[in-house]
Amino acid sequence: MDKKSKRVGIMGGTFNPVHIGHLLIAEQSYREYELDHVIFMPAGHPPHKQDQEIVSNHDRLAMLRLAVEGVPYFRVSDYEINKHGLSYTYETLEYLTGIAPDTRFYFIMGADSVKDLTHWCRPERILELAHILAAVRGDTDMEMLNREAELLRCTYQAKISLLGAPELDISSRELRDRVKNHASIRFMVPEKVNFYIHFHHLYEKSNTPPQADGAWK
């Protein structure tokens, strides 16, 4: 692959809802690894973590589009949401490399997901098709992370790099709980997302469809 190849970040997950932490990690990836752009790809029918209340595909896409509005290097893809059947990361990467063979893909995940990667469907294919960017936070067990990363490098010839993550303790689960308890989420999500959640009364009631085969809670 020559030096003129595009460098594109992929950030998967349910984005239920998208929050400031997601955007800061994407921004850090874009700048630190000189990416052309970052694609946010919400999961449609994920096979893992079926313990999370989740709003409709339409609402998650709408919130993402509001969150990245006006940022030319952030994009939103509805590929996994529109895909029939379960959404597997390796299949998404095969699709992307098939339509953009001149592009180098960087898959952005939380550092705590590195240790679970071998349990994803066809991890060898994921690691063949993408360079992993593992976002490290202050509470990350670096000894464990380095051990797991080295194991993946030795076993799969994986390309794994560490990404300095902003010190923000925000999770989508926490935001959902705050909305249920009538607590403010202002400044934890983009203002337009905050308005959307309250205007449409999202997360005020409980339901339990599946979560993501991905790196973000």
N, C-alpha and C. Protein backbone atom coordinates (compact mmCIF):
# COMPACT_ATOMS: atom_id res chain seq x y z
N MET A 1 0.84 -1.19 0.00
CA MET A 1 0.00 0.00 0.00
C MET A 1 0.89 1.25 0.00
N ASP A 2 0.67 2.15 -0.94
CA ASP A 2 1.58 3.28 -1.06
C ASP A 2 1.21 4.39 -0.09
N LYS A 3 2.06 5.41 -0.03
CA LYS A 3 1.89 6.48 0.94
C LYS A 3 0.68 7.35 0.63
N LYS A 4 0.15 7.25 -0.57
CA LYS A 4 -1.00 8.08 -0.94
C LYS A 4 -2.32 7.41 -0.55
N SER A 5 -2.27 6.19 -0.01
CA SER A 5 -3.48 5.50 0.39
C SER A 5 -4.22 6.29 1.46
N LYS A 6 -5.52 6.24 1.41
CA LYS A 6 -6.32 6.91 2.41
C LYS A 6 -6.21 6.17 3.75
N ARG A 7 -6.37 6.93 4.83
CA ARG A 7 -6.35 6.38 6.17
C ARG A 7 -7.68 6.74 6.83
N VAL A 8 -8.47 5.73 7.10
CA VAL A 8 -9.83 5.96 7.59
C VAL A 8 -10.05 5.24 8.92
N GLY A 9 -10.56 5.97 9.89
CA GLY A 9 -10.91 5.38 11.18
C GLY A 9 -12.33 4.85 11.17
N ILE A 10 -12.55 3.73 11.86
CA ILE A 10 -13.88 3.16 12.01
C ILE A 10 -14.19 3.07 13.50
N MET A 11 -15.29 3.65 13.90
CA MET A 11 -15.70 3.59 15.29
C MET A 11 -17.07 2.93 15.37
N GLY A 12 -17.11 1.70 15.89
CA GLY A 12 -18.35 0.96 15.98
C GLY A 12 -18.94 1.00 17.38
N GLY A 13 -20.16 0.49 17.50
CA GLY A 13 -20.85 0.45 18.78
C GLY A 13 -22.33 0.75 18.61
N THR A 14 -23.06 0.76 19.70
CA THR A 14 -24.48 1.08 19.60
C THR A 14 -24.73 2.58 19.60
N PHE A 15 -23.84 3.35 20.25
CA PHE A 15 -24.03 4.81 20.38
C PHE A 15 -25.44 5.06 20.93
N ASN A 16 -25.63 4.59 22.14
CA ASN A 16 -26.96 4.53 22.74
C ASN A 16 -27.01 5.24 24.10
N PRO A 17 -26.78 6.56 24.14
CA PRO A 17 -26.59 7.47 23.01
C PRO A 17 -25.12 7.79 22.78
N VAL A 18 -24.83 8.44 21.66
CA VAL A 18 -23.50 9.00 21.42
C VAL A 18 -23.24 10.08 22.47
N HIS A 19 -21.99 10.18 22.93
CA HIS A 19 -21.67 11.20 23.93
C HIS A 19 -20.32 11.85 23.63
N ILE A 20 -19.96 12.81 24.45
CA ILE A 20 -18.74 13.60 24.23
C ILE A 20 -17.49 12.71 24.20
N GLY A 21 -17.48 11.66 25.02
CA GLY A 21 -16.33 10.76 25.04
C GLY A 21 -16.08 10.12 23.70
N HIS A 22 -17.14 9.68 23.02
CA HIS A 22 -16.99 9.10 21.69
C HIS A 22 -16.33 10.10 20.73
N LEU A 23 -16.82 11.33 20.78
CA LEU A 23 -16.34 12.34 19.84
C LEU A 23 -14.88 12.71 20.12
N LEU A 24 -14.51 12.78 21.38
CA LEU A 24 -13.13 13.12 21.73
C LEU A 24 -12.15 12.01 21.31
N ILE A 25 -12.57 10.76 21.47
CA ILE A 25 -11.72 9.65 21.02
C ILE A 25 -11.56 9.68 19.51
N ALA A 26 -12.64 9.95 18.79
CA ALA A 26 -12.57 10.05 17.33
C ALA A 26 -11.66 11.20 16.91
N GLU A 27 -11.77 12.32 17.60
CA GLU A 27 -10.93 13.48 17.30
C GLU A 27 -9.46 13.17 17.55
N GLN A 28 -9.19 12.50 18.67
CA GLN A 28 -7.81 12.12 19.00
C GLN A 28 -7.24 11.19 17.94
N SER A 29 -8.05 10.23 17.51
CA SER A 29 -7.60 9.29 16.48
C SER A 29 -7.30 10.02 15.17
N TYR A 30 -8.20 10.90 14.80
CA TYR A 30 -8.06 11.65 13.55
C TYR A 30 -6.74 12.43 13.54
N ARG A 31 -6.44 13.09 14.63
CA ARG A 31 -5.25 13.95 14.68
C ARG A 31 -3.97 13.17 14.92
N GLU A 32 -4.00 12.23 15.86
CA GLU A 32 -2.78 11.51 16.22
C GLU A 32 -2.29 10.60 15.10
N TYR A 33 -3.23 10.01 14.34
CA TYR A 33 -2.84 9.08 13.28
C TYR A 33 -3.07 9.64 11.88
N GLU A 34 -3.30 10.95 11.81
CA GLU A 34 -3.41 11.67 10.54
C GLU A 34 -4.38 10.98 9.59
N LEU A 35 -5.58 10.71 10.11
CA LEU A 35 -6.60 10.04 9.31
C LEU A 35 -7.26 11.03 8.35
N ASP A 36 -7.77 10.52 7.25
CA ASP A 36 -8.52 11.36 6.32
C ASP A 36 -9.90 11.69 6.90
N HIS A 37 -10.51 10.70 7.51
CA HIS A 37 -11.77 10.92 8.22
C HIS A 37 -12.06 9.73 9.13
N VAL A 38 -13.06 9.90 9.98
CA VAL A 38 -13.50 8.84 10.89
C VAL A 38 -14.97 8.55 10.61
N ILE A 39 -15.29 7.26 10.45
CA ILE A 39 -16.66 6.84 10.20
C ILE A 39 -17.25 6.26 11.48
N PHE A 40 -18.37 6.82 11.93
CA PHE A 40 -19.12 6.26 13.05
C PHE A 40 -20.11 5.25 12.46
N MET A 41 -20.06 4.00 12.95
CA MET A 41 -20.88 2.95 12.37
C MET A 41 -21.70 2.27 13.46
N PRO A 42 -22.93 2.74 13.69
CA PRO A 42 -23.77 2.11 14.72
C PRO A 42 -24.19 0.70 14.33
N ALA A 43 -24.21 -0.18 15.32
CA ALA A 43 -24.57 -1.58 15.09
C ALA A 43 -26.07 -1.72 14.88
N GLY A 44 -26.44 -2.65 14.01
CA GLY A 44 -27.84 -2.90 13.74
C GLY A 44 -28.38 -4.08 14.53
N HIS A 45 -27.89 -5.30 14.21
CA HIS A 45 -28.34 -6.51 14.88
C HIS A 45 -27.11 -7.22 15.44
N PRO A 46 -26.56 -6.71 16.53
CA PRO A 46 -25.32 -7.26 17.06
C PRO A 46 -25.51 -8.58 17.79
N PRO A 47 -24.49 -9.45 17.76
CA PRO A 47 -24.61 -10.77 18.37
C PRO A 47 -24.23 -10.83 19.84
N HIS A 48 -23.62 -9.78 20.40
CA HIS A 48 -23.07 -9.84 21.76
C HIS A 48 -23.76 -8.86 22.70
N LYS A 49 -23.55 -9.07 23.98
CA LYS A 49 -23.97 -8.15 25.05
C LYS A 49 -25.45 -7.80 24.96
N GLN A 50 -26.27 -8.79 25.16
CA GLN A 50 -27.71 -8.58 25.01
C GLN A 50 -28.36 -8.14 26.33
N ASP A 51 -27.74 -7.18 27.00
CA ASP A 51 -28.24 -6.77 28.31
C ASP A 51 -28.48 -5.27 28.39
N GLN A 52 -28.64 -4.63 27.26
CA GLN A 52 -28.72 -3.18 27.26
C GLN A 52 -30.01 -2.69 26.65
N GLU A 53 -30.65 -1.71 27.28
CA GLU A 53 -31.82 -1.07 26.69
C GLU A 53 -31.34 -0.21 25.54
N ILE A 54 -32.05 -0.26 24.46
CA ILE A 54 -31.58 0.42 23.26
C ILE A 54 -32.75 1.08 22.54
N VAL A 55 -32.53 2.26 22.02
CA VAL A 55 -33.59 2.94 21.27
C VAL A 55 -33.51 2.53 19.81
N SER A 56 -34.42 3.04 19.00
CA SER A 56 -34.53 2.60 17.61
C SER A 56 -33.29 2.97 16.79
N ASN A 57 -33.11 2.24 15.70
CA ASN A 57 -32.04 2.55 14.76
C ASN A 57 -32.18 3.98 14.25
N HIS A 58 -33.40 4.38 13.96
CA HIS A 58 -33.64 5.74 13.46
C HIS A 58 -33.14 6.78 14.45
N ASP A 59 -33.45 6.60 15.73
CA ASP A 59 -33.04 7.58 16.74
C ASP A 59 -31.53 7.61 16.93
N ARG A 60 -30.89 6.44 16.92
CA ARG A 60 -29.44 6.41 17.11
C ARG A 60 -28.72 7.07 15.94
N LEU A 61 -29.21 6.81 14.73
CA LEU A 61 -28.63 7.47 13.55
C LEU A 61 -28.83 8.97 13.60
N ALA A 62 -30.03 9.38 13.98
CA ALA A 62 -30.33 10.81 14.04
C ALA A 62 -29.43 11.51 15.05
N MET A 63 -29.23 10.91 16.22
CA MET A 63 -28.38 11.53 17.23
C MET A 63 -26.93 11.61 16.76
N LEU A 64 -26.45 10.56 16.09
CA LEU A 64 -25.08 10.59 15.57
C LEU A 64 -24.91 11.70 14.54
N ARG A 65 -25.87 11.82 13.65
CA ARG A 65 -25.77 12.84 12.61
C ARG A 65 -25.80 14.25 13.21
N LEU A 66 -26.59 14.43 14.24
CA LEU A 66 -26.59 15.72 14.94
C LEU A 66 -25.24 15.97 15.62
N ALA A 67 -24.67 14.91 16.19
CA ALA A 67 -23.42 15.04 16.94
C ALA A 67 -22.24 15.44 16.05
N VAL A 68 -22.22 14.95 14.81
CA VAL A 68 -21.07 15.21 13.94
C VAL A 68 -21.33 16.35 12.96
N GLU A 69 -22.50 16.95 13.05
CA GLU A 69 -22.87 18.02 12.13
C GLU A 69 -21.83 19.14 12.16
N GLY A 70 -21.37 19.53 10.97
CA GLY A 70 -20.41 20.61 10.87
C GLY A 70 -18.96 20.19 11.00
N VAL A 71 -18.70 18.89 11.25
CA VAL A 71 -17.32 18.39 11.33
C VAL A 71 -17.01 17.65 10.03
N PRO A 72 -16.24 18.23 9.13
CA PRO A 72 -16.07 17.66 7.79
C PRO A 72 -15.38 16.31 7.76
N TYR A 73 -14.60 15.98 8.79
CA TYR A 73 -13.87 14.72 8.78
C TYR A 73 -14.55 13.64 9.63
N PHE A 74 -15.76 13.90 10.11
CA PHE A 74 -16.57 12.87 10.78
C PHE A 74 -17.73 12.49 9.87
N ARG A 75 -17.96 11.21 9.73
CA ARG A 75 -19.04 10.72 8.89
C ARG A 75 -19.82 9.64 9.63
N VAL A 76 -21.05 9.42 9.22
CA VAL A 76 -21.91 8.40 9.81
C VAL A 76 -22.32 7.42 8.72
N SER A 77 -22.19 6.13 9.00
CA SER A 77 -22.60 5.10 8.05
C SER A 77 -23.78 4.31 8.62
N ASP A 78 -24.76 4.04 7.79
CA ASP A 78 -25.90 3.21 8.20
C ASP A 78 -25.76 1.78 7.68
N TYR A 79 -24.55 1.39 7.27
CA TYR A 79 -24.35 0.07 6.66
C TYR A 79 -24.80 -1.06 7.57
N GLU A 80 -24.33 -1.08 8.84
CA GLU A 80 -24.66 -2.18 9.73
C GLU A 80 -26.13 -2.15 10.13
N ILE A 81 -26.67 -0.95 10.28
CA ILE A 81 -28.09 -0.84 10.65
C ILE A 81 -28.99 -1.38 9.54
N ASN A 82 -28.61 -1.15 8.29
CA ASN A 82 -29.44 -1.61 7.17
C ASN A 82 -29.14 -3.04 6.73
N LYS A 83 -28.09 -3.61 7.29
CA LYS A 83 -27.68 -4.95 6.90
C LYS A 83 -28.63 -5.99 7.49
N HIS A 84 -29.00 -6.98 6.69
CA HIS A 84 -29.86 -8.06 7.17
C HIS A 84 -29.03 -9.04 8.01
N GLY A 85 -29.62 -9.55 9.06
CA GLY A 85 -28.92 -10.51 9.90
C GLY A 85 -28.04 -9.84 10.93
N LEU A 86 -27.23 -10.65 11.59
CA LEU A 86 -26.34 -10.14 12.63
C LEU A 86 -25.22 -9.30 12.03
N SER A 87 -24.71 -8.37 12.85
CA SER A 87 -23.63 -7.50 12.40
C SER A 87 -22.31 -7.96 13.01
N TYR A 88 -21.44 -8.49 12.18
CA TYR A 88 -20.12 -8.91 12.64
C TYR A 88 -19.07 -7.94 12.11
N THR A 89 -18.13 -7.58 12.97
CA THR A 89 -17.11 -6.61 12.61
C THR A 89 -16.29 -7.07 11.42
N TYR A 90 -15.95 -8.35 11.37
CA TYR A 90 -15.11 -8.82 10.26
C TYR A 90 -15.83 -8.66 8.92
N GLU A 91 -17.16 -8.86 8.92
CA GLU A 91 -17.92 -8.71 7.68
C GLU A 91 -17.96 -7.24 7.24
N THR A 92 -18.09 -6.36 8.21
CA THR A 92 -18.08 -4.93 7.90
C THR A 92 -16.75 -4.52 7.29
N LEU A 93 -15.66 -5.01 7.86
CA LEU A 93 -14.34 -4.67 7.34
C LEU A 93 -14.12 -5.28 5.95
N GLU A 94 -14.64 -6.48 5.72
CA GLU A 94 -14.55 -7.08 4.38
C GLU A 94 -15.31 -6.23 3.37
N TYR A 95 -16.47 -5.76 3.76
CA TYR A 95 -17.26 -4.90 2.88
C TYR A 95 -16.50 -3.61 2.57
N LEU A 96 -15.96 -2.98 3.59
CA LEU A 96 -15.26 -1.71 3.40
C LEU A 96 -14.01 -1.86 2.54
N THR A 97 -13.23 -2.90 2.80
CA THR A 97 -12.02 -3.10 1.99
C THR A 97 -12.38 -3.50 0.56
N GLY A 98 -13.54 -4.12 0.40
CA GLY A 98 -13.98 -4.48 -0.94
C GLY A 98 -14.33 -3.27 -1.79
N ILE A 99 -14.96 -2.26 -1.17
CA ILE A 99 -15.35 -1.07 -1.94
C ILE A 99 -14.25 0.00 -1.94
N ALA A 100 -13.27 -0.14 -1.05
CA ALA A 100 -12.19 0.85 -0.99
C ALA A 100 -10.86 0.13 -0.78
N PRO A 101 -10.40 -0.61 -1.79
CA PRO A 101 -9.17 -1.41 -1.63
C PRO A 101 -7.91 -0.58 -1.44
N ASP A 102 -7.97 0.72 -1.76
CA ASP A 102 -6.80 1.58 -1.61
C ASP A 102 -6.77 2.28 -0.26
N THR A 103 -7.63 1.87 0.67
CA THR A 103 -7.75 2.53 1.96
C THR A 103 -7.20 1.66 3.08
N ARG A 104 -6.48 2.28 3.99
CA ARG A 104 -6.02 1.60 5.20
C ARG A 104 -6.98 1.93 6.33
N PHE A 105 -7.58 0.90 6.93
CA PHE A 105 -8.60 1.12 7.96
C PHE A 105 -8.02 0.96 9.37
N TYR A 106 -8.45 1.85 10.24
CA TYR A 106 -8.05 1.85 11.65
C TYR A 106 -9.31 1.65 12.49
N PHE A 107 -9.36 0.53 13.21
CA PHE A 107 -10.54 0.23 14.00
C PHE A 107 -10.30 0.72 15.43
N ILE A 108 -11.15 1.64 15.86
CA ILE A 108 -10.97 2.32 17.15
C ILE A 108 -11.79 1.60 18.21
N MET A 109 -11.14 1.21 19.30
CA MET A 109 -11.85 0.53 20.38
C MET A 109 -11.29 0.95 21.73
N GLY A 110 -12.06 0.69 22.78
CA GLY A 110 -11.56 0.92 24.12
C GLY A 110 -10.50 -0.11 24.46
N ALA A 111 -9.51 0.28 25.24
CA ALA A 111 -8.42 -0.64 25.57
C ALA A 111 -8.94 -1.88 26.28
N ASP A 112 -10.03 -1.76 27.05
CA ASP A 112 -10.55 -2.92 27.77
C ASP A 112 -11.15 -3.96 26.83
N SER A 113 -11.41 -3.58 25.57
CA SER A 113 -11.96 -4.53 24.60
C SER A 113 -10.89 -5.37 23.93
N VAL A 114 -9.62 -4.96 24.06
CA VAL A 114 -8.54 -5.71 23.42
C VAL A 114 -8.50 -7.14 23.96
N LYS A 115 -8.70 -7.27 25.27
CA LYS A 115 -8.63 -8.62 25.87
C LYS A 115 -9.78 -9.51 25.42
N ASP A 116 -10.90 -8.90 24.95
CA ASP A 116 -12.05 -9.69 24.50
C ASP A 116 -12.03 -9.98 23.01
N LEU A 117 -11.08 -9.41 22.31
CA LEU A 117 -11.09 -9.48 20.85
C LEU A 117 -11.03 -10.91 20.32
N THR A 118 -10.34 -11.78 21.01
CA THR A 118 -10.23 -13.17 20.55
C THR A 118 -11.58 -13.89 20.62
N HIS A 119 -12.54 -13.35 21.36
CA HIS A 119 -13.86 -13.96 21.47
C HIS A 119 -14.84 -13.41 20.43
N TRP A 120 -14.41 -12.41 19.68
CA TRP A 120 -15.25 -11.90 18.59
C TRP A 120 -15.22 -12.91 17.45
N CYS A 121 -16.18 -12.79 16.55
CA CYS A 121 -16.23 -13.70 15.41
C CYS A 121 -15.08 -13.40 14.44
N ARG A 122 -14.28 -14.40 14.15
CA ARG A 122 -13.15 -14.34 13.23
C ARG A 122 -12.19 -13.19 13.54
N PRO A 123 -11.60 -13.19 14.73
CA PRO A 123 -10.66 -12.13 15.09
C PRO A 123 -9.47 -12.03 14.15
N GLU A 124 -9.06 -13.17 13.59
CA GLU A 124 -7.92 -13.15 12.69
C GLU A 124 -8.20 -12.30 11.45
N ARG A 125 -9.46 -12.32 11.02
CA ARG A 125 -9.84 -11.54 9.84
C ARG A 125 -9.90 -10.05 10.19
N ILE A 126 -10.41 -9.72 11.35
CA ILE A 126 -10.44 -8.33 11.81
C ILE A 126 -9.03 -7.77 11.85
N LEU A 127 -8.11 -8.54 12.43
CA LEU A 127 -6.74 -8.07 12.61
C LEU A 127 -5.95 -8.05 11.30
N GLU A 128 -6.40 -8.83 10.35
CA GLU A 128 -5.79 -8.80 9.03
C GLU A 128 -6.19 -7.53 8.26
N LEU A 129 -7.45 -7.11 8.44
CA LEU A 129 -8.00 -6.03 7.63
C LEU A 129 -7.89 -4.65 8.26
N ALA A 130 -7.59 -4.58 9.56
CA ALA A 130 -7.57 -3.27 10.21
C ALA A 130 -6.43 -3.15 11.20
N HIS A 131 -5.97 -1.93 11.34
CA HIS A 131 -5.00 -1.55 12.37
C HIS A 131 -5.81 -1.13 13.59
N ILE A 132 -5.58 -1.77 14.73
CA ILE A 132 -6.35 -1.47 15.93
C ILE A 132 -5.77 -0.27 16.67
N LEU A 133 -6.64 0.69 17.00
CA LEU A 133 -6.26 1.81 17.87
C LEU A 133 -6.97 1.60 19.20
N ALA A 134 -6.22 1.31 20.24
CA ALA A 134 -6.79 1.03 21.56
C ALA A 134 -6.71 2.27 22.43
N ALA A 135 -7.87 2.81 22.80
CA ALA A 135 -7.93 4.05 23.59
C ALA A 135 -7.66 3.75 25.05
N VAL A 136 -6.60 4.33 25.56
CA VAL A 136 -6.14 4.08 26.93
C VAL A 136 -6.62 5.19 27.84
N ARG A 137 -7.23 4.81 28.97
CA ARG A 137 -7.67 5.78 29.96
C ARG A 137 -6.80 5.66 31.21
N GLY A 138 -7.03 6.55 32.14
CA GLY A 138 -6.22 6.57 33.35
C GLY A 138 -6.33 5.31 34.19
N ASP A 139 -7.47 4.63 34.12
CA ASP A 139 -7.67 3.42 34.92
C ASP A 139 -7.31 2.15 34.16
N THR A 140 -6.72 2.30 32.97
CA THR A 140 -6.36 1.12 32.18
C THR A 140 -5.22 0.35 32.84
N ASP A 141 -5.35 -0.96 32.91
CA ASP A 141 -4.30 -1.84 33.42
C ASP A 141 -3.28 -2.02 32.29
N MET A 142 -2.24 -1.21 32.32
CA MET A 142 -1.28 -1.20 31.21
C MET A 142 -0.51 -2.52 31.08
N GLU A 143 -0.23 -3.15 32.20
CA GLU A 143 0.48 -4.42 32.14
C GLU A 143 -0.36 -5.46 31.42
N MET A 144 -1.65 -5.52 31.77
CA MET A 144 -2.55 -6.45 31.11
C MET A 144 -2.70 -6.11 29.63
N LEU A 145 -2.88 -4.82 29.33
CA LEU A 145 -3.07 -4.39 27.96
C LEU A 145 -1.86 -4.74 27.10
N ASN A 146 -0.67 -4.45 27.57
CA ASN A 146 0.54 -4.76 26.81
C ASN A 146 0.69 -6.26 26.60
N ARG A 147 0.33 -7.04 27.60
CA ARG A 147 0.41 -8.50 27.49
C ARG A 147 -0.56 -9.02 26.43
N GLU A 148 -1.80 -8.52 26.48
CA GLU A 148 -2.81 -8.96 25.51
C GLU A 148 -2.46 -8.49 24.10
N ALA A 149 -1.97 -7.26 23.98
CA ALA A 149 -1.61 -6.74 22.66
C ALA A 149 -0.46 -7.55 22.06
N GLU A 150 0.52 -7.89 22.88
CA GLU A 150 1.66 -8.66 22.38
C GLU A 150 1.23 -10.06 21.96
N LEU A 151 0.28 -10.63 22.70
CA LEU A 151 -0.24 -11.95 22.34
C LEU A 151 -0.92 -11.91 20.97
N LEU A 152 -1.69 -10.86 20.72
CA LEU A 152 -2.36 -10.71 19.43
C LEU A 152 -1.36 -10.48 18.31
N ARG A 153 -0.31 -9.73 18.60
CA ARG A 153 0.73 -9.49 17.59
C ARG A 153 1.42 -10.80 17.22
N CYS A 154 1.72 -11.61 18.23
CA CYS A 154 2.43 -12.86 17.98
C CYS A 154 1.53 -13.90 17.30
N THR A 155 0.27 -13.94 17.71
CA THR A 155 -0.65 -14.96 17.20
C THR A 155 -1.19 -14.62 15.82
N TYR A 156 -1.52 -13.33 15.61
CA TYR A 156 -2.20 -12.92 14.38
C TYR A 156 -1.42 -11.90 13.55
N GLN A 157 -0.19 -11.58 13.98
CA GLN A 157 0.57 -10.51 13.32
C GLN A 157 -0.25 -9.21 13.30
N ALA A 158 -0.93 -8.97 14.40
CA ALA A 158 -1.82 -7.82 14.51
C ALA A 158 -1.04 -6.51 14.58
N LYS A 159 -1.67 -5.47 14.03
CA LYS A 159 -1.14 -4.11 14.15
C LYS A 159 -1.99 -3.40 15.21
N ILE A 160 -1.41 -3.16 16.37
CA ILE A 160 -2.13 -2.55 17.48
C ILE A 160 -1.32 -1.36 18.00
N SER A 161 -1.96 -0.22 18.09
CA SER A 161 -1.32 0.98 18.62
C SER A 161 -2.17 1.54 19.75
N LEU A 162 -1.51 2.19 20.70
CA LEU A 162 -2.21 2.78 21.83
C LEU A 162 -2.57 4.23 21.52
N LEU A 163 -3.74 4.62 21.99
CA LEU A 163 -4.26 5.95 21.75
C LEU A 163 -4.55 6.60 23.09
N GLY A 164 -3.92 7.74 23.35
CA GLY A 164 -4.17 8.45 24.60
C GLY A 164 -5.58 9.00 24.64
N ALA A 165 -6.41 8.49 25.56
CA ALA A 165 -7.81 8.92 25.63
C ALA A 165 -7.97 10.05 26.63
N PRO A 166 -8.86 11.00 26.36
CA PRO A 166 -9.13 12.07 27.33
C PRO A 166 -9.65 11.48 28.64
N GLU A 167 -9.34 12.13 29.74
CA GLU A 167 -9.77 11.66 31.06
C GLU A 167 -11.22 12.05 31.32
N LEU A 168 -12.13 11.31 30.72
CA LEU A 168 -13.56 11.55 30.91
C LEU A 168 -14.23 10.26 31.35
N ASP A 169 -14.93 10.31 32.45
CA ASP A 169 -15.61 9.14 32.96
C ASP A 169 -17.09 9.22 32.60
N ILE A 170 -17.37 8.99 31.31
CA ILE A 170 -18.75 9.06 30.81
C ILE A 170 -19.05 7.76 30.09
N SER A 171 -20.21 7.20 30.35
CA SER A 171 -20.65 6.02 29.60
C SER A 171 -22.09 6.21 29.18
N SER A 172 -22.47 5.55 28.10
CA SER A 172 -23.85 5.63 27.62
C SER A 172 -24.81 5.08 28.66
N ARG A 173 -24.40 4.04 29.37
CA ARG A 173 -25.25 3.46 30.42
C ARG A 173 -25.55 4.50 31.49
N GLU A 174 -24.52 5.23 31.91
CA GLU A 174 -24.72 6.28 32.91
C GLU A 174 -25.69 7.34 32.41
N LEU A 175 -25.56 7.72 31.15
CA LEU A 175 -26.45 8.74 30.60
C LEU A 175 -27.89 8.26 30.59
N ARG A 176 -28.11 7.01 30.22
CA ARG A 176 -29.48 6.48 30.22
C ARG A 176 -30.07 6.50 31.63
N ASP A 177 -29.24 6.12 32.60
CA ASP A 177 -29.71 6.13 33.99
C ASP A 177 -30.03 7.54 34.45
N ARG A 178 -29.21 8.49 34.05
CA ARG A 178 -29.45 9.88 34.45
C ARG A 178 -30.77 10.40 33.88
N VAL A 179 -31.04 10.06 32.62
CA VAL A 179 -32.29 10.51 32.01
C VAL A 179 -33.48 9.90 32.76
N LYS A 180 -33.39 8.61 33.08
CA LYS A 180 -34.46 7.94 33.82
C LYS A 180 -34.72 8.60 35.17
N ASN A 181 -33.63 9.05 35.78
CA ASN A 181 -33.73 9.66 37.11
C ASN A 181 -33.90 11.17 37.05
N HIS A 182 -34.17 11.69 35.86
CA HIS A 182 -34.43 13.12 35.66
C HIS A 182 -33.23 13.99 36.06
N ALA A 183 -32.02 13.45 35.86
CA ALA A 183 -30.80 14.22 36.11
C ALA A 183 -30.30 14.81 34.80
N SER A 184 -29.56 15.89 34.89
CA SER A 184 -29.07 16.57 33.69
C SER A 184 -27.96 15.78 33.00
N ILE A 185 -27.99 15.78 31.67
CA ILE A 185 -26.88 15.23 30.88
C ILE A 185 -26.25 16.33 30.02
N ARG A 186 -26.58 17.56 30.34
CA ARG A 186 -26.02 18.68 29.58
C ARG A 186 -24.50 18.70 29.71
N PHE A 187 -23.83 18.99 28.62
CA PHE A 187 -22.37 19.02 28.49
C PHE A 187 -21.75 17.62 28.47
N MET A 188 -22.55 16.58 28.68
CA MET A 188 -22.05 15.21 28.56
C MET A 188 -22.32 14.66 27.16
N VAL A 189 -23.30 15.26 26.49
CA VAL A 189 -23.60 14.97 25.09
C VAL A 189 -23.66 16.30 24.36
N PRO A 190 -23.50 16.31 23.02
CA PRO A 190 -23.68 17.56 22.29
C PRO A 190 -25.06 18.15 22.56
N GLU A 191 -25.17 19.47 22.54
CA GLU A 191 -26.42 20.13 22.92
C GLU A 191 -27.59 19.67 22.06
N LYS A 192 -27.35 19.47 20.75
CA LYS A 192 -28.44 19.03 19.87
C LYS A 192 -28.89 17.61 20.21
N VAL A 193 -27.97 16.79 20.66
CA VAL A 193 -28.33 15.43 21.09
C VAL A 193 -29.12 15.48 22.38
N ASN A 194 -28.72 16.34 23.29
CA ASN A 194 -29.45 16.53 24.54
C ASN A 194 -30.90 16.93 24.26
N PHE A 195 -31.07 17.89 23.35
CA PHE A 195 -32.41 18.35 22.99
C PHE A 195 -33.21 17.20 22.36
N TYR A 196 -32.58 16.45 21.46
CA TYR A 196 -33.27 15.36 20.77
C TYR A 196 -33.77 14.32 21.77
N ILE A 197 -32.91 13.95 22.72
CA ILE A 197 -33.28 12.93 23.71
C ILE A 197 -34.51 13.37 24.50
N HIS A 198 -34.51 14.62 24.94
CA HIS A 198 -35.62 15.09 25.76
C HIS A 198 -36.88 15.37 24.93
N PHE A 199 -36.69 15.87 23.72
CA PHE A 199 -37.85 16.15 22.87
C PHE A 199 -38.60 14.87 22.53
N HIS A 200 -37.83 13.78 22.29
CA HIS A 200 -38.45 12.51 21.90
C HIS A 200 -38.65 11.56 23.09
N HIS A 201 -38.36 12.03 24.31
CA HIS A 201 -38.59 11.25 25.53
C HIS A 201 -37.85 9.92 25.50
N LEU A 202 -36.61 9.94 24.96
CA LEU A 202 -35.83 8.71 24.90
C LEU A 202 -35.30 8.35 26.29
N TYR A 203 -35.16 7.05 26.52
CA TYR A 203 -34.59 6.49 27.75
C TYR A 203 -35.43 6.73 28.99
N GLU A 204 -36.63 7.21 28.82
CA GLU A 204 -37.49 7.42 29.98
C GLU A 204 -38.20 6.14 30.39
N LYS A 205 -38.27 5.16 29.48
CA LYS A 205 -38.85 3.87 29.78
C LYS A 205 -37.83 2.78 29.48
N SER A 206 -38.03 1.64 30.07
CA SER A 206 -37.06 0.54 29.94
C SER A 206 -37.49 -0.46 28.88
N ASN A 207 -36.52 -0.85 28.03
CA ASN A 207 -36.70 -2.00 27.13
C ASN A 207 -35.34 -2.63 26.95
N THR A 208 -35.27 -3.86 26.48
CA THR A 208 -34.00 -4.57 26.50
C THR A 208 -33.65 -5.34 25.24
N PRO A 209 -33.53 -4.69 24.07
CA PRO A 209 -32.93 -5.36 22.91
C PRO A 209 -31.41 -5.46 23.05
N PRO A 210 -30.73 -6.05 22.04
CA PRO A 210 -29.29 -6.32 22.15
C PRO A 210 -28.38 -5.11 22.00
N GLN A 211 -27.13 -5.27 22.43
CA GLN A 211 -26.09 -4.26 22.30
C GLN A 211 -25.14 -4.60 21.18
N ALA A 212 -23.88 -4.17 21.26
CA ALA A 212 -22.99 -4.23 20.10
C ALA A 212 -21.89 -5.25 20.18
N ASP A 213 -21.48 -5.73 18.99
CA ASP A 213 -20.24 -6.48 18.85
C ASP A 213 -19.17 -5.44 18.66
N GLY A 214 -18.92 -4.65 19.64
CA GLY A 214 -18.04 -3.51 19.46
C GLY A 214 -17.42 -3.07 20.74
N ALA A 215 -16.76 -1.94 20.67
CA ALA A 215 -15.86 -1.55 21.72
C ALA A 215 -16.41 -0.54 22.68
N TRP A 216 -17.58 -0.04 22.46
CA TRP A 216 -18.06 1.10 23.25
C TRP A 216 -19.34 0.77 23.96
N LYS A 217 -19.40 1.08 25.24
CA LYS A 217 -20.59 0.84 26.05
C LYS A 217 -21.65 1.90 25.79
